[in-house]
Amino acid sequence: AVAEVHPEHLASLTLSRHAVGDEGARELASSDLMRSLRWLDLSENAIGDVGAGALARALGGDQRLDLHGNKVGSRGEIALRGALRRGASVSLARAPVRRTRG
């Protein structure tokens, strides 16, 4: 049996590599779903400044957003700084890979 999904109880959502784009990011940012999410992975989705700005305005203090691999420019980064000031966590770059010797 398939469990019924209640978006108001969804705490984590991964949509990496789903071609979300700016339009999808704006729709997601304005949805009721954003209120319950604590972790949102939108990596590698061709999201630019418009989508990043919408997401930044929707982020609250205890939410984490992964936007690495997108097309966020300086305007989007400025908008995301506002979310950081409210206590949100935002990642725009993938953590560096460490190579081991041997």
N, C-alpha and C. Protein backbone atom coordinates (compact mmCIF):
# COMPACT_ATOMS: atom_id res chain seq x y z
N ALA A 1 0.84 -1.18 0.00
CA ALA A 1 0.00 0.00 0.00
C ALA A 1 0.88 1.24 0.00
N VAL A 2 0.46 2.26 -0.70
CA VAL A 2 1.18 3.53 -0.77
C VAL A 2 0.68 4.44 0.33
N ALA A 3 1.63 5.00 1.10
CA ALA A 3 1.25 5.90 2.18
C ALA A 3 0.77 7.22 1.61
N GLU A 4 -0.20 7.81 2.26
CA GLU A 4 -0.69 9.12 1.85
C GLU A 4 0.31 10.18 2.29
N VAL A 5 0.63 11.10 1.39
CA VAL A 5 1.61 12.14 1.67
C VAL A 5 0.89 13.39 2.17
N HIS A 6 1.39 13.90 3.28
CA HIS A 6 0.88 15.15 3.84
C HIS A 6 1.99 16.17 3.78
N PRO A 7 1.96 17.10 2.81
CA PRO A 7 3.05 18.06 2.65
C PRO A 7 3.37 18.84 3.92
N GLU A 8 2.39 19.06 4.77
CA GLU A 8 2.65 19.83 5.98
C GLU A 8 3.55 19.08 6.96
N HIS A 9 3.76 17.78 6.73
CA HIS A 9 4.63 16.97 7.58
C HIS A 9 5.95 16.63 6.91
N LEU A 10 6.16 17.12 5.70
CA LEU A 10 7.38 16.82 4.95
C LEU A 10 8.50 17.73 5.43
N ALA A 11 9.58 17.14 5.94
CA ALA A 11 10.69 17.93 6.48
C ALA A 11 11.86 18.03 5.53
N SER A 12 11.99 17.10 4.61
CA SER A 12 13.14 17.06 3.70
C SER A 12 12.67 16.73 2.29
N LEU A 13 13.25 17.42 1.31
CA LEU A 13 12.88 17.19 -0.08
C LEU A 13 14.11 17.34 -0.96
N THR A 14 14.38 16.33 -1.76
CA THR A 14 15.50 16.36 -2.70
C THR A 14 14.94 16.34 -4.12
N LEU A 15 15.24 17.40 -4.86
CA LEU A 15 14.81 17.51 -6.26
C LEU A 15 16.01 17.83 -7.15
N SER A 16 17.17 17.32 -6.79
CA SER A 16 18.36 17.61 -7.59
C SER A 16 18.22 17.01 -8.98
N ARG A 17 18.73 17.76 -9.97
CA ARG A 17 18.72 17.34 -11.38
C ARG A 17 17.32 17.04 -11.91
N HIS A 18 16.37 17.91 -11.59
CA HIS A 18 15.00 17.75 -12.08
C HIS A 18 14.55 18.91 -12.96
N ALA A 19 15.49 19.70 -13.46
CA ALA A 19 15.19 20.82 -14.37
C ALA A 19 14.12 21.75 -13.79
N VAL A 20 14.26 22.08 -12.51
CA VAL A 20 13.29 22.93 -11.83
C VAL A 20 13.27 24.33 -12.42
N GLY A 21 14.45 24.91 -12.64
CA GLY A 21 14.56 26.24 -13.23
C GLY A 21 13.98 27.33 -12.34
N ASP A 22 14.03 28.57 -12.83
CA ASP A 22 13.52 29.71 -12.08
C ASP A 22 12.02 29.62 -11.82
N GLU A 23 11.28 29.21 -12.83
CA GLU A 23 9.82 29.14 -12.68
C GLU A 23 9.43 28.13 -11.61
N GLY A 24 10.03 26.95 -11.64
CA GLY A 24 9.73 25.94 -10.62
C GLY A 24 10.16 26.38 -9.24
N ALA A 25 11.30 27.07 -9.15
CA ALA A 25 11.78 27.57 -7.86
C ALA A 25 10.81 28.60 -7.30
N ARG A 26 10.29 29.48 -8.16
CA ARG A 26 9.30 30.47 -7.71
C ARG A 26 8.02 29.81 -7.23
N GLU A 27 7.56 28.80 -7.95
CA GLU A 27 6.35 28.09 -7.54
C GLU A 27 6.56 27.37 -6.21
N LEU A 28 7.70 26.73 -6.07
CA LEU A 28 8.01 26.04 -4.82
C LEU A 28 8.11 27.03 -3.66
N ALA A 29 8.76 28.17 -3.90
CA ALA A 29 8.92 29.18 -2.85
C ALA A 29 7.58 29.72 -2.36
N SER A 30 6.61 29.80 -3.24
CA SER A 30 5.30 30.36 -2.85
C SER A 30 4.33 29.28 -2.36
N SER A 31 4.77 28.04 -2.34
CA SER A 31 3.88 26.95 -1.93
C SER A 31 3.83 26.79 -0.41
N ASP A 32 2.78 26.17 0.07
CA ASP A 32 2.64 25.87 1.50
C ASP A 32 3.73 24.91 1.97
N LEU A 33 4.27 24.15 1.07
CA LEU A 33 5.30 23.17 1.40
C LEU A 33 6.52 23.82 2.06
N MET A 34 6.87 25.04 1.67
CA MET A 34 8.05 25.71 2.21
C MET A 34 7.99 25.90 3.72
N ARG A 35 6.80 26.00 4.27
CA ARG A 35 6.68 26.22 5.72
C ARG A 35 7.15 25.03 6.54
N SER A 36 6.96 23.81 6.03
CA SER A 36 7.31 22.62 6.81
C SER A 36 8.72 22.11 6.52
N LEU A 37 9.27 22.46 5.36
CA LEU A 37 10.59 21.93 4.99
C LEU A 37 11.70 22.46 5.88
N ARG A 38 12.60 21.58 6.26
CA ARG A 38 13.81 21.97 6.99
C ARG A 38 15.03 21.82 6.10
N TRP A 39 14.97 20.94 5.10
CA TRP A 39 16.08 20.68 4.19
C TRP A 39 15.52 20.59 2.77
N LEU A 40 16.04 21.40 1.87
CA LEU A 40 15.61 21.40 0.48
C LEU A 40 16.83 21.35 -0.42
N ASP A 41 16.94 20.29 -1.20
CA ASP A 41 18.05 20.12 -2.14
C ASP A 41 17.55 20.39 -3.55
N LEU A 42 17.97 21.53 -4.10
CA LEU A 42 17.64 21.90 -5.47
C LEU A 42 18.91 22.01 -6.31
N SER A 43 19.89 21.20 -6.02
CA SER A 43 21.16 21.26 -6.73
C SER A 43 21.00 20.86 -8.19
N GLU A 44 21.80 21.52 -9.02
CA GLU A 44 21.88 21.23 -10.46
C GLU A 44 20.51 21.28 -11.15
N ASN A 45 19.86 22.44 -11.05
CA ASN A 45 18.52 22.62 -11.61
C ASN A 45 18.37 23.85 -12.49
N ALA A 46 19.46 24.45 -12.91
CA ALA A 46 19.42 25.64 -13.78
C ALA A 46 18.63 26.79 -13.15
N ILE A 47 18.75 26.93 -11.84
CA ILE A 47 18.09 28.02 -11.13
C ILE A 47 19.02 29.23 -11.15
N GLY A 48 18.48 30.38 -11.53
CA GLY A 48 19.26 31.61 -11.62
C GLY A 48 18.87 32.59 -10.53
N ASP A 49 19.14 33.85 -10.78
CA ASP A 49 18.89 34.90 -9.80
C ASP A 49 17.42 35.04 -9.42
N VAL A 50 16.53 34.89 -10.39
CA VAL A 50 15.10 35.04 -10.12
C VAL A 50 14.62 33.96 -9.16
N GLY A 51 14.95 32.72 -9.45
CA GLY A 51 14.55 31.61 -8.58
C GLY A 51 15.21 31.68 -7.22
N ALA A 52 16.50 32.04 -7.19
CA ALA A 52 17.22 32.15 -5.92
C ALA A 52 16.61 33.25 -5.06
N GLY A 53 16.22 34.35 -5.68
CA GLY A 53 15.60 35.44 -4.94
C GLY A 53 14.27 35.02 -4.33
N ALA A 54 13.47 34.30 -5.09
CA ALA A 54 12.18 33.82 -4.56
C ALA A 54 12.39 32.86 -3.40
N LEU A 55 13.34 31.96 -3.54
CA LEU A 55 13.62 31.02 -2.47
C LEU A 55 14.16 31.73 -1.24
N ALA A 56 15.01 32.72 -1.45
CA ALA A 56 15.58 33.48 -0.34
C ALA A 56 14.49 34.17 0.48
N ARG A 57 13.51 34.72 -0.19
CA ARG A 57 12.42 35.40 0.51
C ARG A 57 11.55 34.40 1.30
N ALA A 58 11.51 33.15 0.85
CA ALA A 58 10.66 32.14 1.49
C ALA A 58 11.36 31.42 2.63
N LEU A 59 12.68 31.47 2.69
CA LEU A 59 13.43 30.72 3.70
C LEU A 59 13.27 31.31 5.09
N GLY A 60 13.09 30.43 6.06
CA GLY A 60 13.04 30.83 7.46
C GLY A 60 14.33 30.49 8.17
N GLY A 61 14.37 30.78 9.44
CA GLY A 61 15.59 30.66 10.22
C GLY A 61 16.16 29.28 10.40
N ASP A 62 15.35 28.25 10.36
CA ASP A 62 15.88 26.92 10.63
C ASP A 62 15.86 26.03 9.38
N GLN A 63 15.86 26.62 8.21
CA GLN A 63 15.83 25.86 6.97
C GLN A 63 17.19 25.83 6.30
N ARG A 64 17.45 24.72 5.60
CA ARG A 64 18.69 24.56 4.85
C ARG A 64 18.35 24.36 3.38
N LEU A 65 19.11 25.05 2.52
CA LEU A 65 18.88 25.02 1.07
C LEU A 65 20.19 24.72 0.37
N ASP A 66 20.17 23.73 -0.51
CA ASP A 66 21.34 23.39 -1.31
C ASP A 66 21.07 23.81 -2.75
N LEU A 67 21.85 24.77 -3.24
CA LEU A 67 21.70 25.27 -4.61
C LEU A 67 22.98 25.08 -5.42
N HIS A 68 23.85 24.17 -5.01
CA HIS A 68 25.10 24.03 -5.77
C HIS A 68 24.80 23.54 -7.19
N GLY A 69 25.64 23.97 -8.12
CA GLY A 69 25.49 23.55 -9.51
C GLY A 69 24.40 24.29 -10.27
N ASN A 70 23.93 25.42 -9.75
CA ASN A 70 22.93 26.22 -10.44
C ASN A 70 23.59 27.45 -11.06
N LYS A 71 22.79 28.35 -11.60
CA LYS A 71 23.30 29.54 -12.30
C LYS A 71 23.07 30.81 -11.49
N VAL A 72 23.24 30.72 -10.18
CA VAL A 72 22.98 31.87 -9.31
C VAL A 72 24.10 32.88 -9.48
N GLY A 73 23.73 34.11 -9.82
CA GLY A 73 24.69 35.19 -10.00
C GLY A 73 24.71 36.11 -8.80
N SER A 74 25.27 37.30 -9.00
CA SER A 74 25.46 38.22 -7.88
C SER A 74 24.13 38.69 -7.28
N ARG A 75 23.11 38.92 -8.11
CA ARG A 75 21.82 39.35 -7.57
C ARG A 75 21.18 38.26 -6.70
N GLY A 76 21.29 37.04 -7.15
CA GLY A 76 20.77 35.92 -6.35
C GLY A 76 21.53 35.74 -5.06
N GLU A 77 22.85 35.93 -5.12
CA GLU A 77 23.67 35.80 -3.91
C GLU A 77 23.31 36.88 -2.90
N ILE A 78 23.06 38.10 -3.37
CA ILE A 78 22.66 39.19 -2.47
C ILE A 78 21.33 38.84 -1.79
N ALA A 79 20.39 38.31 -2.55
CA ALA A 79 19.09 37.93 -1.98
C ALA A 79 19.28 36.82 -0.94
N LEU A 80 20.14 35.87 -1.24
CA LEU A 80 20.37 34.75 -0.31
C LEU A 80 21.05 35.20 0.97
N ARG A 81 21.82 36.27 0.92
CA ARG A 81 22.44 36.81 2.15
C ARG A 81 21.37 37.23 3.15
N GLY A 82 20.24 37.72 2.64
CA GLY A 82 19.13 38.08 3.53
C GLY A 82 18.62 36.86 4.28
N ALA A 83 18.53 35.72 3.59
CA ALA A 83 18.10 34.48 4.25
C ALA A 83 19.12 34.04 5.30
N LEU A 84 20.39 34.24 4.99
CA LEU A 84 21.44 33.89 5.96
C LEU A 84 21.32 34.75 7.22
N ARG A 85 21.00 36.02 7.04
CA ARG A 85 20.84 36.91 8.20
C ARG A 85 19.66 36.48 9.07
N ARG A 86 18.67 35.82 8.46
CA ARG A 86 17.53 35.31 9.23
C ARG A 86 17.83 33.95 9.84
N GLY A 87 19.01 33.42 9.61
CA GLY A 87 19.41 32.16 10.23
C GLY A 87 19.33 30.94 9.35
N ALA A 88 18.93 31.09 8.10
CA ALA A 88 18.88 29.95 7.18
C ALA A 88 20.29 29.55 6.78
N SER A 89 20.43 28.34 6.30
CA SER A 89 21.71 27.83 5.81
C SER A 89 21.58 27.59 4.31
N VAL A 90 22.53 28.15 3.55
CA VAL A 90 22.47 28.04 2.09
C VAL A 90 23.82 27.57 1.57
N SER A 91 23.79 26.59 0.68
CA SER A 91 25.01 26.10 0.04
C SER A 91 24.93 26.38 -1.46
N LEU A 92 25.93 27.09 -1.96
CA LEU A 92 25.99 27.38 -3.40
C LEU A 92 27.10 26.58 -4.09
N ALA A 93 28.00 26.01 -3.33
CA ALA A 93 29.13 25.28 -3.91
C ALA A 93 29.24 23.91 -3.25
N ARG A 94 29.60 22.97 -4.05
CA ARG A 94 29.84 21.62 -3.53
C ARG A 94 31.10 21.65 -2.69
N ALA A 95 31.09 20.91 -1.60
CA ALA A 95 32.28 20.84 -0.75
C ALA A 95 33.42 20.23 -1.55
N PRO A 96 34.63 20.75 -1.36
CA PRO A 96 35.76 20.21 -2.10
C PRO A 96 36.02 18.74 -1.76
N VAL A 97 36.43 18.03 -2.76
CA VAL A 97 36.76 16.61 -2.58
C VAL A 97 38.22 16.52 -2.17
N ARG A 98 38.50 15.79 -1.11
CA ARG A 98 39.87 15.61 -0.65
C ARG A 98 40.38 14.28 -1.16
N ARG A 99 41.52 14.34 -1.75
CA ARG A 99 42.15 13.11 -2.25
C ARG A 99 43.09 12.55 -1.20
N THR A 100 43.08 11.25 -1.11
CA THR A 100 44.01 10.61 -0.18
C THR A 100 45.19 10.08 -0.97
N ARG A 101 46.31 10.09 -0.33
CA ARG A 101 47.52 9.55 -0.99
C ARG A 101 47.54 8.05 -0.83
N GLY A 102 48.11 7.45 -1.85
CA GLY A 102 48.28 6.01 -1.70
C GLY A 102 47.90 5.25 -2.83
